Amino acid sequence: MSAPHDERRDSNVTEEMLHAFADGQLDNAHRGAVEAFLAANPDKAAEVALWQRQNAALSTLFGPIAVEPVPARLSPREIAARQAARRPAWARMAAAAVLLISIGAGTGWYLRTATTSQEEISDRLIDGAIAAHALYVRESRHAVEVGAADKGHLVTWLSNRLGRAIEAPDLSAQGFTLVGGRLLPPLADTGKGPGAQLMYQNQTSDRLTVYITASSKDFGKASETYDEQGLEAYYWANDQITCTVVGDLPQTQMQTVAKGVFQQLSWRPDPPGRS
């Protein structure tokens, strides 16, 4: 019997390289290989994106000491190793982390990841949407699989693959035009099928993405927002689809765009919890 296929070995991307990439410390010689690996492995890309957001939350929380070298014992890799080897000790560390983080303000997203052993499905979908956004939004020639010039085919193809009739929202009123879209593989541990990513761009080349999956009875929270260091994500779900709008535009502009997407894809006048 042949050995199972190991994508990480084939690409020569190690766990240490992924952590260095998340920490912004990976040398340029290996960056291309890591980016290619993440593009081919969306589940791992979502995990790396989560590490990056945790780093950002820690920087916000500990401000003045954020520039100090991080002790080796506090690296994500070392923490993960201790977690596997000494579960009771990790439980005590997690309890202390919850107490410490709850004292700080503006770190709700990090508190979510530190206090739950498994993310809600809605949070996993947000992670996936953000990871896909980061991977493709800066591409020039390969930002999408099917361009806006073939919009009819794009919408039909994605609808068939998701098993849901979806549309590409018209965001011209918000100053954005459709670039195109792509099909993304399912995210592990969500019970969801493949995802659709639609990309939009305005006249100043600012881009945002809309990530859609088929819904089910278990879609996590009905709505959720994420805001960290200029990147925002607006998530909502109904009995047909889940949708996450991701971008780094000013908050008021992102809210306007997200509201437009919600109204067109849910056929409701306003997003949940908004007037």
C-alpha atoms as a PDB file:
ATOM      1  CA  MET A   1       0.000   0.000   0.000  1.00  0.00           C
ATOM      2  CA  SER A   2       1.398   3.381  -0.928  1.00  0.00           C
ATOM      3  CA  ALA A   3       1.927   6.032   1.731  1.00  0.00           C
ATOM      4  CA  PRO A   4      -0.753   8.729   2.029  1.00  0.00           C
ATOM      5  CA  HIS A   5      -0.141  11.865   0.024  1.00  0.00           C
ATOM      6  CA  ASP A   6       1.514  14.624   2.080  1.00  0.00           C
ATOM      7  CA  GLU A   7       0.955  18.020   0.470  1.00  0.00           C
ATOM      8  CA  ARG A   8       3.138  19.813   2.984  1.00  0.00           C
ATOM      9  CA  ARG A   9       6.077  17.530   2.307  1.00  0.00           C
ATOM     10  CA  ASP A  10       5.622  17.901  -1.458  1.00  0.00           C
ATOM     11  CA  SER A  11       5.720  21.674  -1.217  1.00  0.00           C
ATOM     12  CA  ASN A  12       8.578  21.692   1.326  1.00  0.00           C
ATOM     13  CA  VAL A  13       6.507  23.972   3.555  1.00  0.00           C
ATOM     14  CA  THR A  14       7.049  23.206   7.225  1.00  0.00           C
ATOM     15  CA  GLU A  15       5.038  24.145  10.300  1.00  0.00           C
ATOM     16  CA  GLU A  16       7.902  26.425  11.349  1.00  0.00           C
ATOM     17  CA  MET A  17       7.670  28.278   8.015  1.00  0.00           C
ATOM     18  CA  LEU A  18       3.926  28.757   8.464  1.00  0.00           C
ATOM     19  CA  HIS A  19       4.416  30.233  11.932  1.00  0.00           C
ATOM     20  CA  ALA A  20       7.190  32.501  10.642  1.00  0.00           C
ATOM     21  CA  PHE A  21       4.864  33.646   7.850  1.00  0.00           C
ATOM     22  CA  ALA A  22       2.089  34.388  10.363  1.00  0.00           C
ATOM     23  CA  ASP A  23       4.554  36.329  12.521  1.00  0.00           C
ATOM     24  CA  GLY A  24       5.845  38.357   9.549  1.00  0.00           C
ATOM     25  CA  GLN A  25       9.329  36.901  10.009  1.00  0.00           C
ATOM     26  CA  LEU A  26       9.598  34.590   6.987  1.00  0.00           C
ATOM     27  CA  ASP A  27      12.447  35.388   4.611  1.00  0.00           C
ATOM     28  CA  ASN A  28      11.641  36.311   1.016  1.00  0.00           C
ATOM     29  CA  ALA A  29      13.246  33.125  -0.312  1.00  0.00           C
ATOM     30  CA  HIS A  30      10.484  30.988   1.232  1.00  0.00           C
ATOM     31  CA  ARG A  31       7.544  33.409   1.078  1.00  0.00           C
ATOM     32  CA  GLY A  32       6.482  32.404  -2.435  1.00  0.00           C
ATOM     33  CA  ALA A  33       6.375  28.707  -1.524  1.00  0.00           C
ATOM     34  CA  VAL A  34       4.273  29.394   1.570  1.00  0.00           C
ATOM     35  CA  GLU A  35       1.833  31.618  -0.325  1.00  0.00           C
ATOM     36  CA  ALA A  36       1.424  28.939  -3.004  1.00  0.00           C
ATOM     37  CA  PHE A  37       0.863  26.285  -0.326  1.00  0.00           C
ATOM     38  CA  LEU A  38      -1.806  28.398   1.403  1.00  0.00           C
ATOM     39  CA  ALA A  39      -3.522  29.083  -1.908  1.00  0.00           C
ATOM     40  CA  ALA A  40      -3.811  25.321  -2.450  1.00  0.00           C
ATOM     41  CA  ASN A  41      -4.831  24.550   1.155  1.00  0.00           C
ATOM     42  CA  PRO A  42      -7.655  26.880   2.274  1.00  0.00           C
ATOM     43  CA  ASP A  43      -8.117  25.102   5.611  1.00  0.00           C
ATOM     44  CA  LYS A  44      -4.486  25.759   6.539  1.00  0.00           C
ATOM     45  CA  ALA A  45      -4.806  29.310   5.185  1.00  0.00           C
ATOM     46  CA  ALA A  46      -7.719  29.899   7.557  1.00  0.00           C
ATOM     47  CA  GLU A  47      -5.620  28.595  10.458  1.00  0.00           C
ATOM     48  CA  VAL A  48      -2.711  30.877   9.566  1.00  0.00           C
ATOM     49  CA  ALA A  49      -5.104  33.828   9.284  1.00  0.00           C
ATOM     50  CA  LEU A  50      -6.342  32.991  12.786  1.00  0.00           C
ATOM     51  CA  TRP A  51      -2.759  33.032  14.115  1.00  0.00           C
ATOM     52  CA  GLN A  52      -2.241  36.442  12.526  1.00  0.00           C
ATOM     53  CA  ARG A  53      -5.360  37.842  14.157  1.00  0.00           C
ATOM     54  CA  GLN A  54      -4.313  36.453  17.522  1.00  0.00           C
ATOM     55  CA  ASN A  55      -0.941  38.185  17.121  1.00  0.00           C
ATOM     56  CA  ALA A  56      -2.734  41.437  16.300  1.00  0.00           C
ATOM     57  CA  ALA A  57      -5.012  41.087  19.325  1.00  0.00           C
ATOM     58  CA  LEU A  58      -2.048  40.497  21.627  1.00  0.00           C
ATOM     59  CA  SER A  59      -0.305  43.582  20.238  1.00  0.00           C
ATOM     60  CA  THR A  60      -3.407  45.650  20.951  1.00  0.00           C
ATOM     61  CA  LEU A  61      -3.799  44.233  24.442  1.00  0.00           C
ATOM     62  CA  PHE A  62      -0.208  44.551  25.603  1.00  0.00           C
ATOM     63  CA  GLY A  63       0.733  47.724  23.674  1.00  0.00           C
ATOM     64  CA  PRO A  64       4.005  48.951  25.238  1.00  0.00           C
ATOM     65  CA  ILE A  65       5.546  45.500  25.597  1.00  0.00           C
ATOM     66  CA  ALA A  66       4.495  44.283  22.149  1.00  0.00           C
ATOM     67  CA  VAL A  67       7.872  45.243  20.678  1.00  0.00           C
ATOM     68  CA  GLU A  68       9.782  43.116  23.155  1.00  0.00           C
ATOM     69  CA  PRO A  69      11.039  39.697  21.948  1.00  0.00           C
ATOM     70  CA  VAL A  70       8.507  36.941  22.553  1.00  0.00           C
ATOM     71  CA  PRO A  71       9.913  34.208  24.790  1.00  0.00           C
ATOM     72  CA  ALA A  72      10.269  30.868  23.045  1.00  0.00           C
ATOM     73  CA  ARG A  73       7.956  29.274  25.607  1.00  0.00           C
ATOM     74  CA  LEU A  74       5.125  31.548  24.403  1.00  0.00           C
ATOM     75  CA  SER A  75       5.397  30.744  20.697  1.00  0.00           C
ATOM     76  CA  PRO A  76       2.253  29.124  19.184  1.00  0.00           C
ATOM     77  CA  ARG A  77       4.241  26.006  18.342  1.00  0.00           C
ATOM     78  CA  GLU A  78       5.519  25.564  21.900  1.00  0.00           C
ATOM     79  CA  ILE A  79       2.086  26.225  23.368  1.00  0.00           C
ATOM     80  CA  ALA A  80       0.549  23.637  21.032  1.00  0.00           C
ATOM     81  CA  ALA A  81       3.170  21.085  22.066  1.00  0.00           C
ATOM     82  CA  ARG A  82       2.516  21.676  25.746  1.00  0.00           C
ATOM     83  CA  GLN A  83      -1.207  21.470  25.136  1.00  0.00           C
ATOM     84  CA  ALA A  84      -0.833  17.969  23.695  1.00  0.00           C
ATOM     85  CA  ALA A  85       1.617  16.797  26.354  1.00  0.00           C
ATOM     86  CA  ARG A  86       0.119  18.315  29.496  1.00  0.00           C
ATOM     87  CA  ARG A  87      -3.608  18.914  29.116  1.00  0.00           C
ATOM     88  CA  PRO A  88      -4.249  19.806  32.824  1.00  0.00           C
ATOM     89  CA  ALA A  89      -1.480  22.431  32.757  1.00  0.00           C
ATOM     90  CA  TRP A  90      -2.884  23.938  29.565  1.00  0.00           C
ATOM     91  CA  ALA A  91      -6.341  24.123  31.146  1.00  0.00           C
ATOM     92  CA  ARG A  92      -4.921  26.242  33.954  1.00  0.00           C
ATOM     93  CA  MET A  93      -3.097  28.472  31.451  1.00  0.00           C
ATOM     94  CA  ALA A  94      -6.264  28.937  29.431  1.00  0.00           C
ATOM     95  CA  ALA A  95      -8.223  29.921  32.533  1.00  0.00           C
ATOM     96  CA  ALA A  96      -5.574  32.507  33.401  1.00  0.00           C
ATOM     97  CA  ALA A  97      -5.611  33.821  29.832  1.00  0.00           C
ATOM     98  CA  VAL A  98      -9.388  34.239  29.958  1.00  0.00           C
ATOM     99  CA  LEU A  99      -9.122  36.274  33.159  1.00  0.00           C
ATOM    100  CA  LEU A 100      -6.325  38.445  31.766  1.00  0.00           C
ATOM    101  CA  ILE A 101      -7.907  39.087  28.383  1.00  0.00           C
ATOM    102  CA  SER A 102     -11.322  39.858  29.860  1.00  0.00           C
ATOM    103  CA  ILE A 103      -9.739  42.833  31.628  1.00  0.00           C
ATOM    104  CA  GLY A 104      -8.775  44.471  28.339  1.00  0.00           C
ATOM    105  CA  ALA A 105     -11.190  46.275  26.009  1.00  0.00           C
ATOM    106  CA  GLY A 106     -11.616  45.799  22.303  1.00  0.00           C
ATOM    107  CA  THR A 107     -10.341  42.217  22.172  1.00  0.00           C
ATOM    108  CA  GLY A 108     -13.612  40.355  21.854  1.00  0.00           C
ATOM    109  CA  TRP A 109     -12.550  38.402  18.787  1.00  0.00           C
ATOM    110  CA  TYR A 110      -9.395  37.127  20.457  1.00  0.00           C
ATOM    111  CA  LEU A 111     -11.369  36.295  23.599  1.00  0.00           C
ATOM    112  CA  ARG A 112     -13.618  34.124  21.423  1.00  0.00           C
ATOM    113  CA  THR A 113     -10.671  32.096  20.139  1.00  0.00           C
ATOM    114  CA  ALA A 114      -9.038  31.807  23.562  1.00  0.00           C
ATOM    115  CA  THR A 115     -12.119  30.614  25.452  1.00  0.00           C
ATOM    116  CA  THR A 116     -13.614  28.023  23.119  1.00  0.00           C
ATOM    117  CA  SER A 117     -12.030  24.705  22.244  1.00  0.00           C
ATOM    118  CA  GLN A 118     -13.798  24.660  18.905  1.00  0.00           C
ATOM    119  CA  GLU A 119     -14.978  27.628  16.911  1.00  0.00           C
ATOM    120  CA  GLU A 120     -18.599  28.022  15.996  1.00  0.00           C
ATOM    121  CA  ILE A 121     -19.338  27.259  12.370  1.00  0.00           C
ATOM    122  CA  SER A 122     -20.026  30.941  11.738  1.00  0.00           C
ATOM    123  CA  ASP A 123     -16.562  31.801  13.042  1.00  0.00           C
ATOM    124  CA  ARG A 124     -14.944  29.133  10.881  1.00  0.00           C
ATOM    125  CA  LEU A 125     -16.727  30.552   7.849  1.00  0.00           C
ATOM    126  CA  ILE A 126     -15.501  34.047   8.701  1.00  0.00           C
ATOM    127  CA  ASP A 127     -11.958  32.689   9.056  1.00  0.00           C
ATOM    128  CA  GLY A 128     -12.257  31.034   5.654  1.00  0.00           C
ATOM    129  CA  ALA A 129     -13.660  34.157   4.013  1.00  0.00           C
ATOM    130  CA  ILE A 130     -10.843  36.306   5.403  1.00  0.00           C
ATOM    131  CA  ALA A 131      -8.170  33.791   4.358  1.00  0.00           C
ATOM    132  CA  ALA A 132      -9.555  33.600   0.811  1.00  0.00           C
ATOM    133  CA  HIS A 133      -9.780  37.387   0.654  1.00  0.00           C
ATOM    134  CA  ALA A 134      -6.135  37.749   1.704  1.00  0.00           C
ATOM    135  CA  LEU A 135      -5.001  35.173  -0.863  1.00  0.00           C
ATOM    136  CA  TYR A 136      -6.718  36.600  -3.923  1.00  0.00           C
ATOM    137  CA  VAL A 137      -7.468  40.281  -3.385  1.00  0.00           C
ATOM    138  CA  ARG A 138      -3.947  41.386  -4.376  1.00  0.00           C
ATOM    139  CA  GLU A 139      -3.765  39.237  -7.492  1.00  0.00           C
ATOM    140  CA  SER A 140      -3.795  41.023 -10.827  1.00  0.00           C
ATOM    141  CA  ARG A 141      -4.063  38.374 -13.556  1.00  0.00           C
ATOM    142  CA  HIS A 142      -5.497  35.548 -11.458  1.00  0.00           C
ATOM    143  CA  ALA A 143      -7.787  37.332  -9.016  1.00  0.00           C
ATOM    144  CA  VAL A 144     -10.807  35.394 -10.313  1.00  0.00           C
ATOM    145  CA  GLU A 145     -11.525  32.211 -12.262  1.00  0.00           C
ATOM    146  CA  VAL A 146     -14.398  33.627 -14.302  1.00  0.00           C
ATOM    147  CA  GLY A 147     -14.497  37.331 -15.149  1.00  0.00           C
ATOM    148  CA  ALA A 148     -17.444  39.717 -15.000  1.00  0.00           C
ATOM    149  CA  ALA A 149     -17.695  39.662 -18.818  1.00  0.00           C
ATOM    150  CA  ASP A 150     -19.109  36.132 -18.435  1.00  0.00           C
ATOM    151  CA  LYS A 151     -21.338  36.936 -15.473  1.00  0.00           C
ATOM    152  CA  GLY A 152     -24.221  34.710 -16.606  1.00  0.00           C
ATOM    153  CA  HIS A 153     -22.013  31.636 -16.744  1.00  0.00           C
ATOM    154  CA  LEU A 154     -20.333  32.584 -13.437  1.00  0.00           C
ATOM    155  CA  VAL A 155     -23.619  32.832 -11.525  1.00  0.00           C
ATOM    156  CA  THR A 156     -25.028  29.633 -13.043  1.00  0.00           C
ATOM    157  CA  TRP A 157     -21.826  27.689 -12.389  1.00  0.00           C
ATOM    158  CA  LEU A 158     -21.527  28.809  -8.766  1.00  0.00           C
ATOM    159  CA  SER A 159     -25.242  28.254  -8.106  1.00  0.00           C
ATOM    160  CA  ASN A 160     -25.013  24.698  -9.429  1.00  0.00           C
ATOM    161  CA  ARG A 161     -21.905  23.888  -7.387  1.00  0.00           C
ATOM    162  CA  LEU A 162     -23.339  25.367  -4.172  1.00  0.00           C
ATOM    163  CA  GLY A 163     -26.758  23.812  -4.706  1.00  0.00           C
ATOM    164  CA  ARG A 164     -28.320  27.225  -4.117  1.00  0.00           C
ATOM    165  CA  ALA A 165     -29.510  29.871  -6.544  1.00  0.00           C
ATOM    166  CA  ILE A 166     -27.292  32.889  -5.908  1.00  0.00           C
ATOM    167  CA  GLU A 167     -26.792  36.205  -7.647  1.00  0.00           C
ATOM    168  CA  ALA A 168     -23.849  38.560  -7.975  1.00  0.00           C
ATOM    169  CA  PRO A 169     -25.098  41.676  -6.156  1.00  0.00           C
ATOM    170  CA  ASP A 170     -25.107  44.937  -8.107  1.00  0.00           C
ATOM    171  CA  LEU A 171     -22.949  47.294  -6.033  1.00  0.00           C
ATOM    172  CA  SER A 172     -22.759  50.119  -8.559  1.00  0.00           C
ATOM    173  CA  ALA A 173     -24.708  52.362  -6.188  1.00  0.00           C
ATOM    174  CA  GLN A 174     -21.908  51.822  -3.657  1.00  0.00           C
ATOM    175  CA  GLY A 175     -19.243  52.563  -6.282  1.00  0.00           C
ATOM    176  CA  PHE A 176     -18.140  48.987  -6.993  1.00  0.00           C
ATOM    177  CA  THR A 177     -18.213  46.827 -10.092  1.00  0.00           C
ATOM    178  CA  LEU A 178     -17.904  43.057 -10.323  1.00  0.00           C
ATOM    179  CA  VAL A 179     -14.425  41.737 -11.166  1.00  0.00           C
ATOM    180  CA  GLY A 180     -15.565  38.112 -11.277  1.00  0.00           C
ATOM    181  CA  GLY A 181     -15.560  35.099  -9.016  1.00  0.00           C
ATOM    182  CA  ARG A 182     -14.205  31.675  -8.208  1.00  0.00           C
ATOM    183  CA  LEU A 183     -15.206  28.403  -6.574  1.00  0.00           C
ATOM    184  CA  LEU A 184     -13.477  27.558  -3.285  1.00  0.00           C
ATOM    185  CA  PRO A 185     -13.207  24.086  -1.697  1.00  0.00           C
ATOM    186  CA  PRO A 186     -15.206  23.204   1.434  1.00  0.00           C
ATOM    187  CA  LEU A 187     -13.806  24.180   4.811  1.00  0.00           C
ATOM    188  CA  ALA A 188     -13.092  21.284   7.150  1.00  0.00           C
ATOM    189  CA  ASP A 189     -15.232  20.798  10.258  1.00  0.00           C
ATOM    190  CA  THR A 190     -18.076  23.011   9.037  1.00  0.00           C
ATOM    191  CA  GLY A 191     -20.301  20.466   7.317  1.00  0.00           C
ATOM    192  CA  LYS A 192     -20.618  22.928   4.454  1.00  0.00           C
ATOM    193  CA  GLY A 193     -19.991  22.302   0.783  1.00  0.00           C
ATOM    194  CA  PRO A 194     -17.857  24.474  -1.484  1.00  0.00           C
ATOM    195  CA  GLY A 195     -17.856  28.254  -1.241  1.00  0.00           C
ATOM    196  CA  ALA A 196     -18.240  30.968  -3.847  1.00  0.00           C
ATOM    197  CA  GLN A 197     -16.083  34.083  -3.767  1.00  0.00           C
ATOM    198  CA  LEU A 198     -17.203  37.172  -5.673  1.00  0.00           C
ATOM    199  CA  MET A 199     -14.744  40.046  -6.025  1.00  0.00           C
ATOM    200  CA  TYR A 200     -15.572  43.722  -6.531  1.00  0.00           C
ATOM    201  CA  GLN A 201     -13.437  46.795  -7.243  1.00  0.00           C
ATOM    202  CA  ASN A 202     -13.995  50.552  -7.242  1.00  0.00           C
ATOM    203  CA  GLN A 203     -12.421  53.291  -9.353  1.00  0.00           C
ATOM    204  CA  THR A 204      -9.460  53.624  -6.989  1.00  0.00           C
ATOM    205  CA  SER A 205      -8.753  49.865  -7.246  1.00  0.00           C
ATOM    206  CA  ASP A 206      -9.967  49.122  -3.721  1.00  0.00           C
ATOM    207  CA  ARG A 207     -11.304  45.570  -3.591  1.00  0.00           C
ATOM    208  CA  LEU A 208     -13.727  43.652  -1.425  1.00  0.00           C
ATOM    209  CA  THR A 209     -14.966  40.074  -1.557  1.00  0.00           C
ATOM    210  CA  VAL A 210     -18.274  38.333  -0.898  1.00  0.00           C
ATOM    211  CA  TYR A 211     -17.987  34.732   0.354  1.00  0.00           C
ATOM    212  CA  ILE A 212     -21.105  32.547   0.048  1.00  0.00           C
ATOM    213  CA  THR A 213     -21.875  28.971   1.093  1.00  0.00           C
ATOM    214  CA  ALA A 214     -25.061  26.923   1.180  1.00  0.00           C
ATOM    215  CA  SER A 215     -26.730  27.143   4.568  1.00  0.00           C
ATOM    216  CA  SER A 216     -28.046  24.372   6.797  1.00  0.00           C
ATOM    217  CA  LYS A 217     -29.705  24.034  10.179  1.00  0.00           C
ATOM    218  CA  ASP A 218     -26.378  24.593  11.920  1.00  0.00           C
ATOM    219  CA  PHE A 219     -24.832  27.803  10.644  1.00  0.00           C
ATOM    220  CA  GLY A 220     -23.641  29.260  13.946  1.00  0.00           C
ATOM    221  CA  LYS A 221     -24.682  32.783  14.767  1.00  0.00           C
ATOM    222  CA  ALA A 222     -27.309  34.492  12.626  1.00  0.00           C
ATOM    223  CA  SER A 223     -25.013  37.486  12.207  1.00  0.00           C
ATOM    224  CA  GLU A 224     -21.548  38.548  13.354  1.00  0.00           C
ATOM    225  CA  THR A 225     -18.963  41.225  12.651  1.00  0.00           C
ATOM    226  CA  TYR A 226     -15.179  41.222  12.796  1.00  0.00           C
ATOM    227  CA  ASP A 227     -13.014  44.326  12.939  1.00  0.00           C
ATOM    228  CA  GLU A 228      -9.255  44.230  13.482  1.00  0.00           C
ATOM    229  CA  GLN A 229      -6.615  46.721  12.350  1.00  0.00           C
ATOM    230  CA  GLY A 230      -8.625  48.042   9.415  1.00  0.00           C
ATOM    231  CA  LEU A 231      -9.923  44.708   8.111  1.00  0.00           C
ATOM    232  CA  GLU A 232     -13.664  44.175   8.498  1.00  0.00           C
ATOM    233  CA  ALA A 233     -15.915  41.199   7.883  1.00  0.00           C
ATOM    234  CA  TYR A 234     -19.710  41.172   8.033  1.00  0.00           C
ATOM    235  CA  TYR A 235     -21.326  37.735   8.331  1.00  0.00           C
ATOM    236  CA  TRP A 236     -24.975  36.735   8.216  1.00  0.00           C
ATOM    237  CA  ALA A 237     -26.933  33.573   7.456  1.00  0.00           C
ATOM    238  CA  ASN A 238     -30.459  32.512   6.622  1.00  0.00           C
ATOM    239  CA  ASP A 239     -32.062  29.196   5.707  1.00  0.00           C
ATOM    240  CA  GLN A 240     -30.567  29.310   2.188  1.00  0.00           C
ATOM    241  CA  ILE A 241     -27.044  30.750   2.354  1.00  0.00           C
ATOM    242  CA  THR A 242     -24.313  32.106   4.580  1.00  0.00           C
ATOM    243  CA  CYS A 243     -22.559  35.260   3.430  1.00  0.00           C
ATOM    244  CA  THR A 244     -19.440  37.100   4.576  1.00  0.00           C
ATOM    245  CA  VAL A 245     -18.410  40.472   3.135  1.00  0.00           C
ATOM    246  CA  VAL A 246     -14.694  41.222   3.645  1.00  0.00           C
ATOM    247  CA  GLY A 247     -12.703  44.389   2.980  1.00  0.00           C
ATOM    248  CA  ASP A 248     -10.340  46.987   4.408  1.00  0.00           C
ATOM    249  CA  LEU A 249     -12.351  50.090   3.516  1.00  0.00           C
ATOM    250  CA  PRO A 250     -13.445  52.708   6.062  1.00  0.00           C
ATOM    251  CA  GLN A 251     -16.051  51.302   8.430  1.00  0.00           C
ATOM    252  CA  THR A 252     -18.964  53.425   7.218  1.00  0.00           C
ATOM    253  CA  GLN A 253     -18.258  52.431   3.617  1.00  0.00           C
ATOM    254  CA  MET A 254     -17.996  48.749   4.515  1.00  0.00           C
ATOM    255  CA  GLN A 255     -21.300  48.946   6.382  1.00  0.00           C
ATOM    256  CA  THR A 256     -22.984  50.508   3.353  1.00  0.00           C
ATOM    257  CA  VAL A 257     -21.631  47.837   1.023  1.00  0.00           C
ATOM    258  CA  ALA A 258     -22.514  44.991   3.411  1.00  0.00           C
ATOM    259  CA  LYS A 259     -26.047  46.338   3.744  1.00  0.00           C
ATOM    260  CA  GLY A 260     -26.406  46.406  -0.043  1.00  0.00           C
ATOM    261  CA  VAL A 261     -25.207  42.805  -0.315  1.00  0.00           C
ATOM    262  CA  PHE A 262     -27.556  41.695   2.456  1.00  0.00           C
ATOM    263  CA  GLN A 263     -30.582  43.378   0.914  1.00  0.00           C
ATOM    264  CA  GLN A 264     -29.999  41.812  -2.489  1.00  0.00           C
ATOM    265  CA  LEU A 265     -29.120  38.305  -1.353  1.00  0.00           C
ATOM    266  CA  SER A 266     -31.652  37.952   1.460  1.00  0.00           C
ATOM    267  CA  TRP A 267     -34.529  40.003   0.060  1.00  0.00           C
ATOM    268  CA  ARG A 268     -34.868  41.857   3.345  1.00  0.00           C
ATOM    269  CA  PRO A 269     -34.687  45.636   3.759  1.00  0.00           C
ATOM    270  CA  ASP A 270     -32.062  45.737   6.513  1.00  0.00           C
ATOM    271  CA  PRO A 271     -29.349  43.504   8.042  1.00  0.00           C
ATOM    272  CA  PRO A 272     -30.118  41.800  11.371  1.00  0.00           C
ATOM    273  CA  GLY A 273     -29.836  44.198  14.298  1.00  0.00           C
ATOM    274  CA  ARG A 274     -29.598  47.297  12.136  1.00  0.00           C
ATOM    275  CA  SER A 275     -32.155  49.994  11.517  1.00  0.00           C
END
